[in-house]
Structure formats: structure tokens, C-alpha cells
C-alpha atoms as a PDB file:
ATOM      1  CA  MET A   1      55.692 120.614 115.003  1.00  0.00           C
ATOM      2  CA  PRO A   2      58.178 122.623 112.879  1.00  0.00           C
ATOM      3  CA  MET A   3      57.473 126.286 112.178  1.00  0.00           C
ATOM      4  CA  VAL A   4      56.735 126.273 108.428  1.00  0.00           C
ATOM      5  CA  VAL A   5      54.424 123.256 108.524  1.00  0.00           C
ATOM      6  CA  LYS A   6      52.562 124.713 111.499  1.00  0.00           C
ATOM      7  CA  ASN A   7      52.060 128.060 109.776  1.00  0.00           C
ATOM      8  CA  LEU A   8      51.013 126.432 106.500  1.00  0.00           C
ATOM      9  CA  LEU A   9      48.357 124.461 108.385  1.00  0.00           C
ATOM     10  CA  ILE A  10      47.097 127.629 110.064  1.00  0.00           C
ATOM     11  CA  ILE A  11      47.035 129.669 106.837  1.00  0.00           C
ATOM     12  CA  ASN A  12      45.214 126.967 104.900  1.00  0.00           C
ATOM     13  CA  GLY A  13      42.671 126.611 107.692  1.00  0.00           C
ATOM     14  CA  LEU A  14      42.016 130.364 107.857  1.00  0.00           C
ATOM     15  CA  VAL A  15      41.685 130.669 104.081  1.00  0.00           C
ATOM     16  CA  PHE A  16      39.212 127.768 103.989  1.00  0.00           C
ATOM     17  CA  LEU A  17      37.194 129.445 106.751  1.00  0.00           C
ATOM     18  CA  ALA A  18      37.182 132.649 104.692  1.00  0.00           C
ATOM     19  CA  GLN A  19      36.038 130.701 101.620  1.00  0.00           C
ATOM     20  CA  VAL A  20      33.104 129.202 103.495  1.00  0.00           C
ATOM     21  CA  THR A  21      32.167 132.553 105.041  1.00  0.00           C
ATOM     22  CA  PHE A  22      32.240 134.515 101.788  1.00  0.00           C
ATOM     23  CA  GLN A  23      30.425 131.739  99.951  1.00  0.00           C
ATOM     24  CA  GLN A  24      27.577 131.889 102.456  1.00  0.00           C
ATOM     25  CA  THR A  25      27.317 135.675 102.330  1.00  0.00           C
ATOM     26  CA  GLY A  26      27.661 135.807  98.529  1.00  0.00           C
ATOM     27  CA  MET A  27      29.482 139.137  98.741  1.00  0.00           C
ATOM     28  CA  VAL A  28      32.488 138.163  96.642  1.00  0.00           C
ATOM     29  CA  SER A  29      33.844 135.013  95.015  1.00  0.00           C
ATOM     30  CA  LEU A  30      37.288 134.252  96.405  1.00  0.00           C
ATOM     31  CA  GLU A  31      37.603 131.469  93.823  1.00  0.00           C
ATOM     32  CA  ASN A  32      37.342 133.936  90.947  1.00  0.00           C
ATOM     33  CA  LEU A  33      40.054 136.078  92.514  1.00  0.00           C
ATOM     34  CA  PHE A  34      42.513 133.546  93.904  1.00  0.00           C
ATOM     35  CA  ALA A  35      41.841 130.069  92.462  1.00  0.00           C
ATOM     36  CA  LEU A  36      43.891 129.041  89.435  1.00  0.00           C
ATOM     37  CA  HIS A  37      42.177 129.600  86.077  1.00  0.00           C
ATOM     38  CA  ASP A  38      43.030 128.729  82.498  1.00  0.00           C
ATOM     39  CA  VAL A  39      45.071 131.467  80.816  1.00  0.00           C
ATOM     40  CA  HIS A  40      42.182 131.994  78.358  1.00  0.00           C
ATOM     41  CA  SER A  41      39.780 132.819  81.204  1.00  0.00           C
ATOM     42  CA  VAL A  42      38.881 136.412  82.049  1.00  0.00           C
ATOM     43  CA  TYR A  43      39.508 135.454  85.678  1.00  0.00           C
ATOM     44  CA  PHE A  44      43.136 134.387  85.171  1.00  0.00           C
ATOM     45  CA  ARG A  45      45.771 136.359  87.076  1.00  0.00           C
ATOM     46  CA  PRO A  46      49.461 135.411  87.520  1.00  0.00           C
ATOM     47  CA  HIS A  47      49.248 135.558  91.326  1.00  0.00           C
ATOM     48  CA  GLN A  48      46.848 132.600  91.225  1.00  0.00           C
ATOM     49  CA  LEU A  49      49.844 130.295  90.676  1.00  0.00           C
ATOM     50  CA  VAL A  50      50.612 130.923  94.353  1.00  0.00           C
ATOM     51  CA  THR A  51      47.246 131.689  95.924  1.00  0.00           C
ATOM     52  CA  HIS A  52      45.482 128.556  94.661  1.00  0.00           C
ATOM     53  CA  LEU A  53      47.788 126.501  96.911  1.00  0.00           C
ATOM     54  CA  PHE A  54      46.011 127.848  99.995  1.00  0.00           C
ATOM     55  CA  MET A  55      42.433 127.222  98.824  1.00  0.00           C
ATOM     56  CA  HIS A  56      40.378 124.028  98.945  1.00  0.00           C
ATOM     57  CA  GLY A  57      37.093 122.781  97.563  1.00  0.00           C
ATOM     58  CA  SER A  58      35.670 120.960 100.582  1.00  0.00           C
ATOM     59  CA  PHE A  59      36.389 119.931 104.142  1.00  0.00           C
ATOM     60  CA  GLY A  60      37.515 116.488 102.975  1.00  0.00           C
ATOM     61  CA  HIS A  61      39.856 118.084 100.449  1.00  0.00           C
ATOM     62  CA  ILE A  62      41.619 120.291 102.995  1.00  0.00           C
ATOM     63  CA  PHE A  63      41.620 117.575 105.676  1.00  0.00           C
ATOM     64  CA  PHE A  64      43.488 114.996 103.602  1.00  0.00           C
ATOM     65  CA  ASN A  65      45.884 117.564 102.137  1.00  0.00           C
ATOM     66  CA  MET A  66      46.753 118.954 105.557  1.00  0.00           C
ATOM     67  CA  PHE A  67      47.065 115.461 107.014  1.00  0.00           C
ATOM     68  CA  ALA A  68      49.601 114.606 104.281  1.00  0.00           C
ATOM     69  CA  LEU A  69      51.417 117.906 104.852  1.00  0.00           C
ATOM     70  CA  TRP A  70      51.683 117.133 108.559  1.00  0.00           C
ATOM     71  CA  MET A  71      52.754 113.557 107.879  1.00  0.00           C
ATOM     72  CA  PHE A  72      55.477 114.185 105.279  1.00  0.00           C
ATOM     73  CA  GLY A  73      56.200 117.895 105.793  1.00  0.00           C
ATOM     74  CA  ASN A  74      57.194 117.377 109.432  1.00  0.00           C
ATOM     75  CA  VAL A  75      59.893 114.902 108.446  1.00  0.00           C
ATOM     76  CA  LEU A  76      61.204 117.012 105.563  1.00  0.00           C
ATOM     77  CA  GLU A  77      61.329 120.295 107.473  1.00  0.00           C
ATOM     78  CA  ASN A  78      63.098 118.673 110.404  1.00  0.00           C
ATOM     79  CA  TYR A  79      65.543 117.120 107.923  1.00  0.00           C
ATOM     80  CA  TRP A  80      66.202 120.262 105.821  1.00  0.00           C
ATOM     81  CA  GLY A  81      65.324 123.171 108.060  1.00  0.00           C
ATOM     82  CA  ALA A  82      62.600 125.783 107.654  1.00  0.00           C
ATOM     83  CA  LYS A  83      64.084 127.872 104.828  1.00  0.00           C
ATOM     84  CA  ARG A  84      64.866 124.996 102.484  1.00  0.00           C
ATOM     85  CA  PHE A  85      61.541 123.311 103.139  1.00  0.00           C
ATOM     86  CA  LEU A  86      59.583 126.494 102.396  1.00  0.00           C
ATOM     87  CA  ILE A  87      61.503 126.994  99.137  1.00  0.00           C
ATOM     88  CA  PHE A  88      60.850 123.370  98.245  1.00  0.00           C
ATOM     89  CA  TYR A  89      57.136 123.529  99.062  1.00  0.00           C
ATOM     90  CA  MET A  90      56.504 126.687  97.040  1.00  0.00           C
ATOM     91  CA  ALA A  91      58.614 125.492  94.094  1.00  0.00           C
ATOM     92  CA  CYS A  92      56.597 122.268  93.919  1.00  0.00           C
ATOM     93  CA  GLY A  93      53.351 124.226  94.062  1.00  0.00           C
ATOM     94  CA  LEU A  94      54.478 126.538  91.253  1.00  0.00           C
ATOM     95  CA  GLY A  95      55.631 123.590  89.154  1.00  0.00           C
ATOM     96  CA  ALA A  96      52.280 121.896  89.668  1.00  0.00           C
ATOM     97  CA  GLY A  97      50.393 125.015  88.607  1.00  0.00           C
ATOM     98  CA  LEU A  98      52.521 125.587  85.501  1.00  0.00           C
ATOM     99  CA  LEU A  99      52.187 122.025  84.235  1.00  0.00           C
ATOM    100  CA  HIS A 100      48.448 122.121  84.907  1.00  0.00           C
ATOM    101  CA  LEU A 101      48.103 125.359  82.918  1.00  0.00           C
ATOM    102  CA  GLY A 102      50.167 123.920  80.079  1.00  0.00           C
ATOM    103  CA  VAL A 103      47.958 120.853  79.799  1.00  0.00           C
ATOM    104  CA  LEU A 104      44.784 122.954  80.067  1.00  0.00           C
ATOM    105  CA  TYR A 105      46.011 125.249  77.299  1.00  0.00           C
ATOM    106  CA  PHE A 106      46.167 122.405  74.788  1.00  0.00           C
ATOM    107  CA  GLU A 107      43.067 120.615  76.065  1.00  0.00           C
ATOM    108  CA  ASN A 108      40.963 123.762  75.692  1.00  0.00           C
ATOM    109  CA  VAL A 109      42.092 124.699  72.174  1.00  0.00           C
ATOM    110  CA  PRO A 110      38.936 123.183  70.564  1.00  0.00           C
ATOM    111  CA  ILE A 111      36.736 125.035  73.065  1.00  0.00           C
ATOM    112  CA  MET A 112      38.431 128.345  72.291  1.00  0.00           C
ATOM    113  CA  GLU A 113      38.099 127.741  68.547  1.00  0.00           C
ATOM    114  CA  LEU A 114      34.364 127.177  69.022  1.00  0.00           C
ATOM    115  CA  PHE A 115      34.129 130.237  71.293  1.00  0.00           C
ATOM    116  CA  ASN A 116      35.866 132.443  68.712  1.00  0.00           C
ATOM    117  CA  SER A 117      33.383 131.305  66.052  1.00  0.00           C
ATOM    118  CA  LEU A 118      30.428 132.611  68.078  1.00  0.00           C
ATOM    119  CA  SER A 119      28.833 136.020  67.659  1.00  0.00           C
ATOM    120  CA  PRO A 120      29.925 138.853  70.012  1.00  0.00           C
ATOM    121  CA  ASP A 121      26.646 138.600  71.949  1.00  0.00           C
ATOM    122  CA  GLN A 122      27.057 134.852  72.441  1.00  0.00           C
ATOM    123  CA  GLN A 123      30.653 135.349  73.549  1.00  0.00           C
ATOM    124  CA  ALA A 124      29.581 137.997  76.053  1.00  0.00           C
ATOM    125  CA  ASP A 125      27.042 135.586  77.563  1.00  0.00           C
ATOM    126  CA  LEU A 126      29.749 132.962  78.098  1.00  0.00           C
ATOM    127  CA  LEU A 127      32.665 135.160  79.059  1.00  0.00           C
ATOM    128  CA  TYR A 128      31.921 135.370  82.803  1.00  0.00           C
ATOM    129  CA  SER A 129      29.713 132.300  83.085  1.00  0.00           C
ATOM    130  CA  PRO A 130      30.728 129.767  85.770  1.00  0.00           C
ATOM    131  CA  ASN A 131      29.376 127.044  83.453  1.00  0.00           C
ATOM    132  CA  PHE A 132      31.880 127.918  80.739  1.00  0.00           C
ATOM    133  CA  LYS A 133      34.581 125.251  81.003  1.00  0.00           C
ATOM    134  CA  ILE A 134      37.353 127.817  80.476  1.00  0.00           C
ATOM    135  CA  ASN A 135      36.317 129.458  83.760  1.00  0.00           C
ATOM    136  CA  THR A 136      36.660 126.261  85.821  1.00  0.00           C
ATOM    137  CA  ALA A 137      38.759 126.998  88.923  1.00  0.00           C
ATOM    138  CA  THR A 138      41.501 124.781  90.323  1.00  0.00           C
ATOM    139  CA  VAL A 139      42.269 124.860  94.045  1.00  0.00           C
ATOM    140  CA  GLY A 140      44.334 122.903  96.527  1.00  0.00           C
ATOM    141  CA  ALA A 141      47.798 122.289  97.910  1.00  0.00           C
ATOM    142  CA  SER A 142      47.913 118.835  96.319  1.00  0.00           C
ATOM    143  CA  GLY A 143      50.703 119.712  93.875  1.00  0.00           C
ATOM    144  CA  ALA A 144      53.012 120.864  96.665  1.00  0.00           C
ATOM    145  CA  ILE A 145      51.971 117.839  98.768  1.00  0.00           C
ATOM    146  CA  PHE A 146      52.894 115.475  95.950  1.00  0.00           C
ATOM    147  CA  GLY A 147      56.304 117.143  95.824  1.00  0.00           C
ATOM    148  CA  CYS A 148      56.717 116.373  99.530  1.00  0.00           C
ATOM    149  CA  LEU A 149      55.632 112.798  98.917  1.00  0.00           C
ATOM    150  CA  ALA A 150      58.177 112.379  96.094  1.00  0.00           C
ATOM    151  CA  ALA A 151      60.959 113.810  98.273  1.00  0.00           C
ATOM    152  CA  PHE A 152      60.012 111.555 101.163  1.00  0.00           C
ATOM    153  CA  GLY A 153      60.079 108.528  98.881  1.00  0.00           C
ATOM    154  CA  TYR A 154      63.529 109.493  97.603  1.00  0.00           C
ATOM    155  CA  LEU A 155      65.095 110.327 100.964  1.00  0.00           C
ATOM    156  CA  PHE A 156      63.439 107.604 103.038  1.00  0.00           C
ATOM    157  CA  PRO A 157      62.600 104.900 100.477  1.00  0.00           C
ATOM    158  CA  ASN A 158      62.364 102.022 102.931  1.00  0.00           C
ATOM    159  CA  SER A 159      60.262 103.798 105.525  1.00  0.00           C
ATOM    160  CA  LEU A 160      56.857 102.218 105.928  1.00  0.00           C
ATOM    161  CA  ILE A 161      53.664 104.033 105.028  1.00  0.00           C
ATOM    162  CA  TYR A 162      50.472 102.477 106.317  1.00  0.00           C
ATOM    163  CA  LEU A 163      47.938 102.473 103.499  1.00  0.00           C
ATOM    164  CA  TYR A 164      44.454 103.028 104.932  1.00  0.00           C
ATOM    165  CA  PHE A 165      46.227 102.988 108.330  1.00  0.00           C
ATOM    166  CA  PHE A 166      46.584  99.185 108.233  1.00  0.00           C
ATOM    167  CA  ILE A 167      48.506  98.012 105.137  1.00  0.00           C
ATOM    168  CA  PRO A 168      52.287  98.619 105.389  1.00  0.00           C
ATOM    169  CA  ILE A 169      54.075  99.548 102.164  1.00  0.00           C
ATOM    170  CA  LYS A 170      57.558 100.963 101.614  1.00  0.00           C
ATOM    171  CA  ALA A 171      57.611 104.646 100.666  1.00  0.00           C
ATOM    172  CA  LYS A 172      59.417 104.065  97.355  1.00  0.00           C
ATOM    173  CA  TRP A 173      56.747 101.647  96.114  1.00  0.00           C
ATOM    174  CA  PHE A 174      53.923 103.820  97.389  1.00  0.00           C
ATOM    175  CA  VAL A 175      55.270 106.845  95.508  1.00  0.00           C
ATOM    176  CA  LEU A 176      55.828 104.912  92.270  1.00  0.00           C
ATOM    177  CA  MET A 177      52.370 103.318  92.385  1.00  0.00           C
ATOM    178  CA  TYR A 178      50.670 106.629  93.166  1.00  0.00           C
ATOM    179  CA  ALA A 179      52.567 108.429  90.366  1.00  0.00           C
ATOM    180  CA  ALA A 180      51.691 105.679  87.870  1.00  0.00           C
ATOM    181  CA  MET A 181      48.025 105.895  88.837  1.00  0.00           C
ATOM    182  CA  GLU A 182      48.009 109.691  88.462  1.00  0.00           C
ATOM    183  CA  PHE A 183      49.678 109.414  85.043  1.00  0.00           C
ATOM    184  CA  PHE A 184      47.124 106.831  83.890  1.00  0.00           C
ATOM    185  CA  LEU A 185      44.188 108.927  85.091  1.00  0.00           C
ATOM    186  CA  GLY A 186      45.677 112.090  83.580  1.00  0.00           C
ATOM    187  CA  VAL A 187      46.096 110.472  80.160  1.00  0.00           C
ATOM    188  CA  ARG A 188      42.669 108.843  80.382  1.00  0.00           C
ATOM    189  CA  ASN A 189      41.018 112.198  81.129  1.00  0.00           C
ATOM    190  CA  SER A 190      37.620 110.704  81.930  1.00  0.00           C
ATOM    191  CA  ALA A 191      34.499 112.828  81.678  1.00  0.00           C
ATOM    192  CA  GLY A 192      33.471 114.119  85.082  1.00  0.00           C
ATOM    193  CA  ASP A 193      36.941 113.678  86.589  1.00  0.00           C
ATOM    194  CA  ASN A 194      37.586 116.971  88.374  1.00  0.00           C
ATOM    195  CA  VAL A 195      40.967 116.005  89.866  1.00  0.00           C
ATOM    196  CA  ALA A 196      44.007 117.903  88.546  1.00  0.00           C
ATOM    197  CA  HIS A 197      46.162 114.825  87.911  1.00  0.00           C
ATOM    198  CA  TRP A 198      48.775 116.735  85.892  1.00  0.00           C
ATOM    199  CA  ALA A 199      49.173 119.244  88.701  1.00  0.00           C
ATOM    200  CA  HIS A 200      49.925 116.340  91.042  1.00  0.00           C
ATOM    201  CA  LEU A 201      52.501 114.984  88.616  1.00  0.00           C
ATOM    202  CA  GLY A 202      54.010 118.446  88.109  1.00  0.00           C
ATOM    203  CA  GLY A 203      54.511 118.885  91.838  1.00  0.00           C
ATOM    204  CA  ALA A 204      55.997 115.396  92.172  1.00  0.00           C
ATOM    205  CA  LEU A 205      58.365 115.977  89.232  1.00  0.00           C
ATOM    206  CA  VAL A 206      59.650 119.282  90.593  1.00  0.00           C
ATOM    207  CA  GLY A 207      60.028 117.739  94.048  1.00  0.00           C
ATOM    208  CA  PHE A 208      61.998 114.790  92.697  1.00  0.00           C
ATOM    209  CA  LEU A 209      64.297 116.986  90.566  1.00  0.00           C
ATOM    210  CA  LEU A 210      64.949 119.386  93.441  1.00  0.00           C
ATOM    211  CA  VAL A 211      65.828 116.685  95.951  1.00  0.00           C
ATOM    212  CA  LEU A 212      67.940 114.927  93.319  1.00  0.00           C
ATOM    213  CA  TYR A 213      69.878 118.151  92.702  1.00  0.00           C
ATOM    214  CA  TRP A 214      70.312 118.921  96.394  1.00  0.00           C
ATOM    215  CA  ASN A 215      71.633 115.421  97.047  1.00  0.00           C
ATOM    216  CA  LYS A 216      73.843 114.953  93.993  1.00  0.00           C
ATOM    217  CA  THR A 217      77.044 115.452  96.003  1.00  0.00           C
ATOM    218  CA  LYS A 218      75.754 113.880  99.172  1.00  0.00           C
ATOM    219  CA  ARG A 219      75.748 110.195  99.892  1.00  0.00           C
ATOM    220  CA  ARG A 220      72.201 108.926 100.056  1.00  0.00           C
ATOM    221  CA  LYS A 221      70.946 107.449 103.250  1.00  0.00           C
ATOM    222  CA  PHE A 222      68.352 104.705 103.437  1.00  0.00           C
ATOM    223  CA  TYR A 223      66.126 104.526 106.487  1.00  0.00           C
END
């Protein structure tokens, strides 16, 4: 296993263990400090654009993200080398976070208008409340993972991915179908949908543009 992927797996695992531990003790909320928050939230800090990539909401969440990182990250790091892969991974994560914040900013305008119309006492009651939608935290490496998926689909378009471990599908079609589904769900914005679809698309877009730029003078290879 290449160095960067191995260390990313370890770091994510340790951070998740810390999340569970602190959540059980109730001493401090790591989500308030390091998860990504809307820019209107009192909990927002710029460093969260990076730190939210190493946090996850459940065991299933971290398991599938780390499985995808191992699956696609191994190939990309061996293909590019450690330095380029790390730059790529972090750039995709930042792109995912920025697009997510941009979409949240416009989505939450009506909420902020309502909040600003409240009395100071009512605002104070909501300001730090976890039930206030503005304070909803976003966690996960999914944006960076989607960047890896987009790069894999571009570099190895005819490689087979086994959907649900049994159904073979070429990487290029898998990526396009997944991106289309994320776009549809992001636009639909169903009530109760707590998946950051625009973050996924942001990571995939940055990943595609980066790999396109890096390969603009290099003949593409199809595997």
C-alpha cells in the first residue's frame, strides 16, 4: 500500500476513534471545532475546510469512504507518486468544501433573514443551538474521494468496476452515472436528505480539471 493512502487511512481511523471517545465522555464537541459549518454559523472557522475531511458521521460512513480511498487512491498514488497524489487529494477536498459552502450560503439566505428579524433574546437562544439549521455540521472525505473517482475514470476509463461486487461496469460509465445522480439529488434537495451532494460534485469537478490539466500535453492511455 502506498505511503499517502496508508497514512490517510490511519489518520481518518484515529480521528474517528477520537470522535467516538469524546462523544461518549461529553467533554468537548469535536464536530463544533473541526467539522465544516456554514459561514453564518458561530462555529465556522476557516481551518474546517481541511479538518472536516478527516471526520466521519458513523462507522458505515468511514468504512465506505476508506474502502473507496484504498480502491482508487492506491492506483492513483502508484501512477502519480506520493507528492502529486497528496496535492490532488487535498485540492479536491478543498474544492468540495468551497462549493458546498457556496451552495449553503444561498440556500440559507431565507433562514438568515428570518433569524435577523427575531428579537435579540430569541437570536441568543438559537445562536449556539444544535437544532438551528445554520449550525448543521458537514463531515467526511467524500469530496476528496469523488475527486479520486473522477481521476480514475479519466485515466482508466475502460477498467472494470464491480458494482455491488458482482456487476461489471466500465469506470467511465460508472463515473458519469454517479455524477448525474449526485447532480439530480443536489438539485432536488429533498427534505431529510443529509448527504452533501454538491460537495461530492465539487470534489469530482476539481479532480477532473486537475487531471485534465496535468495530462494536456501527455498522450492519454486507455487501460
